[in-house]
């Protein structure tokens, strides 16, 4: 089950950094709604 990264819009850059570190440096499956194509434009 992926880890959901909840954040405020003001913290988009920080959330993206957390996502990158967890996913690519630690191999942890994550979910960040900013990069979810299904939610884009909602």
N, C-alpha and C. Protein backbone atom coordinates (compact mmCIF):
# COMPACT_ATOMS: atom_id res chain seq x y z
N UNK A 1 0.84 -1.17 0.00
CA UNK A 1 0.00 0.00 0.00
C UNK A 1 0.90 1.24 0.00
N UNK A 2 0.64 2.18 -0.93
CA UNK A 2 1.48 3.37 -1.00
C UNK A 2 1.23 4.33 0.17
N UNK A 3 2.24 5.11 0.45
CA UNK A 3 2.15 6.16 1.46
C UNK A 3 1.58 7.39 0.78
N UNK A 4 0.52 7.97 1.35
CA UNK A 4 -0.07 9.20 0.81
C UNK A 4 0.60 10.39 1.46
N UNK A 5 1.08 11.31 0.65
CA UNK A 5 1.74 12.51 1.16
C UNK A 5 0.72 13.65 1.10
N UNK A 6 0.19 14.01 2.25
CA UNK A 6 -0.78 15.09 2.35
C UNK A 6 -0.03 16.40 2.61
N UNK A 7 -0.45 17.46 1.91
CA UNK A 7 0.23 18.74 2.08
C UNK A 7 -0.64 19.90 1.61
N UNK A 8 -0.24 21.11 2.01
CA UNK A 8 -0.91 22.32 1.53
C UNK A 8 -0.28 22.73 0.21
N UNK A 9 -1.01 23.47 -0.60
CA UNK A 9 -0.48 23.93 -1.88
C UNK A 9 0.79 24.75 -1.69
N UNK A 10 0.86 25.49 -0.61
CA UNK A 10 2.04 26.31 -0.33
C UNK A 10 3.30 25.46 -0.14
N UNK A 11 3.11 24.17 0.16
CA UNK A 11 4.23 23.27 0.42
C UNK A 11 4.48 22.30 -0.73
N UNK A 12 4.03 22.63 -1.93
CA UNK A 12 4.19 21.74 -3.08
C UNK A 12 5.64 21.32 -3.31
N UNK A 13 6.56 22.26 -3.23
CA UNK A 13 7.97 21.95 -3.48
C UNK A 13 8.52 20.98 -2.43
N UNK A 14 8.15 21.19 -1.19
CA UNK A 14 8.61 20.31 -0.11
C UNK A 14 8.01 18.91 -0.29
N UNK A 15 6.72 18.86 -0.62
CA UNK A 15 6.06 17.56 -0.81
C UNK A 15 6.70 16.80 -1.96
N UNK A 16 7.05 17.49 -3.03
CA UNK A 16 7.70 16.84 -4.17
C UNK A 16 9.06 16.30 -3.76
N UNK A 17 9.78 17.05 -2.95
CA UNK A 17 11.09 16.58 -2.46
C UNK A 17 10.93 15.34 -1.59
N UNK A 18 9.95 15.33 -0.71
CA UNK A 18 9.69 14.17 0.14
C UNK A 18 9.34 12.96 -0.73
N UNK A 19 8.48 13.17 -1.71
CA UNK A 19 8.10 12.09 -2.63
C UNK A 19 9.33 11.51 -3.32
N UNK A 20 10.17 12.37 -3.86
CA UNK A 20 11.38 11.93 -4.57
C UNK A 20 12.30 11.14 -3.66
N UNK A 21 12.51 11.65 -2.46
CA UNK A 21 13.40 10.95 -1.52
C UNK A 21 12.86 9.58 -1.12
N UNK A 22 11.58 9.54 -0.80
CA UNK A 22 10.99 8.26 -0.39
C UNK A 22 10.99 7.26 -1.54
N UNK A 23 10.56 7.70 -2.70
CA UNK A 23 10.38 6.81 -3.85
C UNK A 23 11.71 6.34 -4.43
N UNK A 24 12.59 7.28 -4.71
CA UNK A 24 13.79 6.94 -5.47
C UNK A 24 15.02 6.67 -4.61
N UNK A 25 15.06 7.21 -3.41
CA UNK A 25 16.22 6.97 -2.55
C UNK A 25 16.00 5.83 -1.57
N UNK A 26 14.72 5.59 -1.22
CA UNK A 26 14.42 4.56 -0.23
C UNK A 26 13.53 3.44 -0.75
N UNK A 27 13.04 3.57 -1.99
CA UNK A 27 12.23 2.52 -2.59
C UNK A 27 10.84 2.36 -1.97
N UNK A 28 10.33 3.43 -1.36
CA UNK A 28 9.01 3.39 -0.73
C UNK A 28 7.97 3.87 -1.73
N UNK A 29 6.93 3.07 -1.94
CA UNK A 29 5.85 3.42 -2.85
C UNK A 29 5.05 4.57 -2.24
N UNK A 30 4.94 5.68 -2.98
CA UNK A 30 4.27 6.88 -2.47
C UNK A 30 3.21 7.36 -3.45
N UNK A 31 2.33 8.20 -2.94
CA UNK A 31 1.27 8.80 -3.73
C UNK A 31 1.22 10.28 -3.41
N UNK A 32 1.40 11.09 -4.43
CA UNK A 32 1.33 12.54 -4.29
C UNK A 32 0.28 13.03 -5.27
N UNK A 33 -0.81 13.60 -4.78
CA UNK A 33 -1.93 13.94 -5.65
C UNK A 33 -1.57 14.95 -6.74
N UNK A 34 -0.54 15.75 -6.54
CA UNK A 34 -0.13 16.72 -7.56
C UNK A 34 0.33 16.06 -8.85
N UNK A 35 0.80 14.82 -8.76
CA UNK A 35 1.29 14.16 -9.97
C UNK A 35 0.32 13.08 -10.45
N UNK A 36 -0.89 13.08 -9.88
CA UNK A 36 -1.91 12.12 -10.30
C UNK A 36 -2.69 12.69 -11.48
N UNK A 37 -2.52 12.09 -12.64
CA UNK A 37 -3.16 12.58 -13.85
C UNK A 37 -4.68 12.55 -13.73
N UNK A 38 -5.24 11.63 -12.95
CA UNK A 38 -6.68 11.53 -12.79
C UNK A 38 -7.25 12.73 -12.05
N UNK A 39 -6.44 13.32 -11.14
CA UNK A 39 -6.91 14.44 -10.36
C UNK A 39 -6.53 15.79 -10.96
N UNK A 40 -5.72 15.81 -11.98
CA UNK A 40 -5.28 17.06 -12.59
C UNK A 40 -6.49 17.83 -13.11
N UNK A 41 -6.54 19.08 -12.79
CA UNK A 41 -7.62 19.94 -13.24
C UNK A 41 -8.88 19.89 -12.42
N UNK A 42 -8.88 19.17 -11.32
CA UNK A 42 -10.07 19.10 -10.48
C UNK A 42 -10.12 20.32 -9.59
